[in-house]
Amino acid sequence: MKIFSHILEEDEVLEYLQSHNLSKQYQDAKGKILQGNFQKLDLKKREPKNAWVWSFRINKKYRALGYEREGRLIIVEIDNHQ
């Protein structure tokens, strides 16, 4: 599985996380990915595979979407996955 050196967020993502009280859950998931512990996070590359778009589960309801750039994952959106 892919291991990222850093996970960065855009400002809008941080605002969304705070407004929906997801900051702690997101930080926990982010830490697990950086440690290489992917259990229950469902980290996967989205279709089409050549777009380099990745997603991972924050909780049962929300997913983080981002793109890979130079070994980093840049989160650009939080998606209500239901």
C-alpha atoms as a PDB file:
ATOM      1  CA  MET A   1       0.000   0.000   0.000  1.00  0.00           C
ATOM      2  CA  LYS A   2       1.124   3.540  -0.679  1.00  0.00           C
ATOM      3  CA  ILE A   3       2.848   5.388   2.178  1.00  0.00           C
ATOM      4  CA  PHE A   4       2.743   9.185   2.119  1.00  0.00           C
ATOM      5  CA  SER A   5       5.419  11.383   3.685  1.00  0.00           C
ATOM      6  CA  HIS A   6       2.955  14.189   4.520  1.00  0.00           C
ATOM      7  CA  ILE A   7      -0.763  14.829   4.402  1.00  0.00           C
ATOM      8  CA  LEU A   8      -1.719  18.453   3.799  1.00  0.00           C
ATOM      9  CA  GLU A   9      -5.139  20.108   3.789  1.00  0.00           C
ATOM     10  CA  GLU A  10      -6.559  23.108   1.975  1.00  0.00           C
ATOM     11  CA  ASP A  11      -8.054  25.878   4.127  1.00  0.00           C
ATOM     12  CA  GLU A  12     -11.635  25.053   3.112  1.00  0.00           C
ATOM     13  CA  VAL A  13     -11.153  21.476   4.302  1.00  0.00           C
ATOM     14  CA  LEU A  14     -10.019  22.607   7.749  1.00  0.00           C
ATOM     15  CA  GLU A  15     -13.049  24.910   8.023  1.00  0.00           C
ATOM     16  CA  TYR A  16     -15.381  22.065   7.015  1.00  0.00           C
ATOM     17  CA  LEU A  17     -13.821  19.704   9.553  1.00  0.00           C
ATOM     18  CA  GLN A  18     -14.244  22.247  12.347  1.00  0.00           C
ATOM     19  CA  SER A  19     -17.824  23.127  11.413  1.00  0.00           C
ATOM     20  CA  HIS A  20     -18.846  19.444  11.414  1.00  0.00           C
ATOM     21  CA  ASN A  21     -16.865  18.499  14.550  1.00  0.00           C
ATOM     22  CA  LEU A  22     -14.662  16.074  12.610  1.00  0.00           C
ATOM     23  CA  SER A  23     -11.241  17.506  13.471  1.00  0.00           C
ATOM     24  CA  LYS A  24     -10.275  14.878  16.059  1.00  0.00           C
ATOM     25  CA  GLN A  25     -11.499  11.948  13.965  1.00  0.00           C
ATOM     26  CA  TYR A  26      -9.694  13.322  10.914  1.00  0.00           C
ATOM     27  CA  GLN A  27      -6.426  13.799  12.840  1.00  0.00           C
ATOM     28  CA  ASP A  28      -6.665  10.218  14.158  1.00  0.00           C
ATOM     29  CA  ALA A  29      -7.179   8.843  10.632  1.00  0.00           C
ATOM     30  CA  LYS A  30      -4.390  11.036   9.260  1.00  0.00           C
ATOM     31  CA  GLY A  31      -1.981   9.809  11.940  1.00  0.00           C
ATOM     32  CA  LYS A  32      -2.802   6.177  11.199  1.00  0.00           C
ATOM     33  CA  ILE A  33      -2.123   6.660   7.484  1.00  0.00           C
ATOM     34  CA  LEU A  34       1.207   8.356   8.151  1.00  0.00           C
ATOM     35  CA  GLN A  35       2.183   5.437  10.415  1.00  0.00           C
ATOM     36  CA  GLY A  36       1.180   2.917   7.728  1.00  0.00           C
ATOM     37  CA  ASN A  37      -1.779   1.519   9.692  1.00  0.00           C
ATOM     38  CA  PHE A  38      -4.545   1.326   7.071  1.00  0.00           C
ATOM     39  CA  GLN A  39      -6.979  -0.963   8.896  1.00  0.00           C
ATOM     40  CA  LYS A  40     -10.573   0.284   8.781  1.00  0.00           C
ATOM     41  CA  LEU A  41      -9.556   3.469   6.889  1.00  0.00           C
ATOM     42  CA  ASP A  42     -10.218   2.025   3.443  1.00  0.00           C
ATOM     43  CA  LEU A  43      -7.425   4.030   1.801  1.00  0.00           C
ATOM     44  CA  LYS A  44      -7.776   3.537  -1.948  1.00  0.00           C
ATOM     45  CA  LYS A  45      -7.029   5.070  -5.295  1.00  0.00           C
ATOM     46  CA  ARG A  46     -10.167   6.315  -7.032  1.00  0.00           C
ATOM     47  CA  GLU A  47     -11.161   5.762 -10.645  1.00  0.00           C
ATOM     48  CA  PRO A  48      -9.705   6.614 -13.108  1.00  0.00           C
ATOM     49  CA  LYS A  49      -6.452   5.332 -11.637  1.00  0.00           C
ATOM     50  CA  ASN A  50      -4.271   7.659 -13.748  1.00  0.00           C
ATOM     51  CA  ALA A  51      -5.828  10.741 -12.083  1.00  0.00           C
ATOM     52  CA  TRP A  52      -3.909   9.991  -8.830  1.00  0.00           C
ATOM     53  CA  VAL A  53      -6.991  10.710  -6.683  1.00  0.00           C
ATOM     54  CA  TRP A  54      -7.044   8.969  -3.295  1.00  0.00           C
ATOM     55  CA  SER A  55      -9.685   8.691  -0.590  1.00  0.00           C
ATOM     56  CA  PHE A  56      -9.847   7.406   2.964  1.00  0.00           C
ATOM     57  CA  ARG A  57     -12.559   6.947   5.537  1.00  0.00           C
ATOM     58  CA  ILE A  58     -12.781   9.430   8.436  1.00  0.00           C
ATOM     59  CA  ASN A  59     -15.795   7.694   9.974  1.00  0.00           C
ATOM     60  CA  LYS A  60     -18.772   5.743   8.638  1.00  0.00           C
ATOM     61  CA  LYS A  61     -20.315   8.887   7.168  1.00  0.00           C
ATOM     62  CA  TYR A  62     -17.389  10.961   5.847  1.00  0.00           C
ATOM     63  CA  ARG A  63     -14.464  10.379   3.476  1.00  0.00           C
ATOM     64  CA  ALA A  64     -11.495  12.608   2.665  1.00  0.00           C
ATOM     65  CA  LEU A  65     -10.595  13.048  -1.005  1.00  0.00           C
ATOM     66  CA  GLY A  66      -7.241  14.274  -2.220  1.00  0.00           C
ATOM     67  CA  TYR A  67      -4.545  13.951  -4.834  1.00  0.00           C
ATOM     68  CA  GLU A  68      -0.989  12.709  -4.722  1.00  0.00           C
ATOM     69  CA  ARG A  69       1.839  15.118  -5.461  1.00  0.00           C
ATOM     70  CA  GLU A  70       5.534  14.290  -4.920  1.00  0.00           C
ATOM     71  CA  GLY A  71       4.884  11.691  -2.215  1.00  0.00           C
ATOM     72  CA  ARG A  72       2.386  13.893  -0.383  1.00  0.00           C
ATOM     73  CA  LEU A  73      -1.369  13.567  -0.147  1.00  0.00           C
ATOM     74  CA  ILE A  74      -3.175  16.908  -0.490  1.00  0.00           C
ATOM     75  CA  ILE A  75      -6.757  16.785   0.809  1.00  0.00           C
ATOM     76  CA  VAL A  76      -9.114  18.998  -1.195  1.00  0.00           C
ATOM     77  CA  GLU A  77     -12.566  17.787  -0.160  1.00  0.00           C
ATOM     78  CA  ILE A  78     -14.505  16.031   2.586  1.00  0.00           C
ATOM     79  CA  ASP A  79     -17.342  14.004   1.155  1.00  0.00           C
ATOM     80  CA  ASN A  80     -20.562  12.922   2.875  1.00  0.00           C
ATOM     81  CA  HIS A  81     -20.288   9.318   1.729  1.00  0.00           C
ATOM     82  CA  GLN A  82     -23.901   8.311   2.375  1.00  0.00           C
END
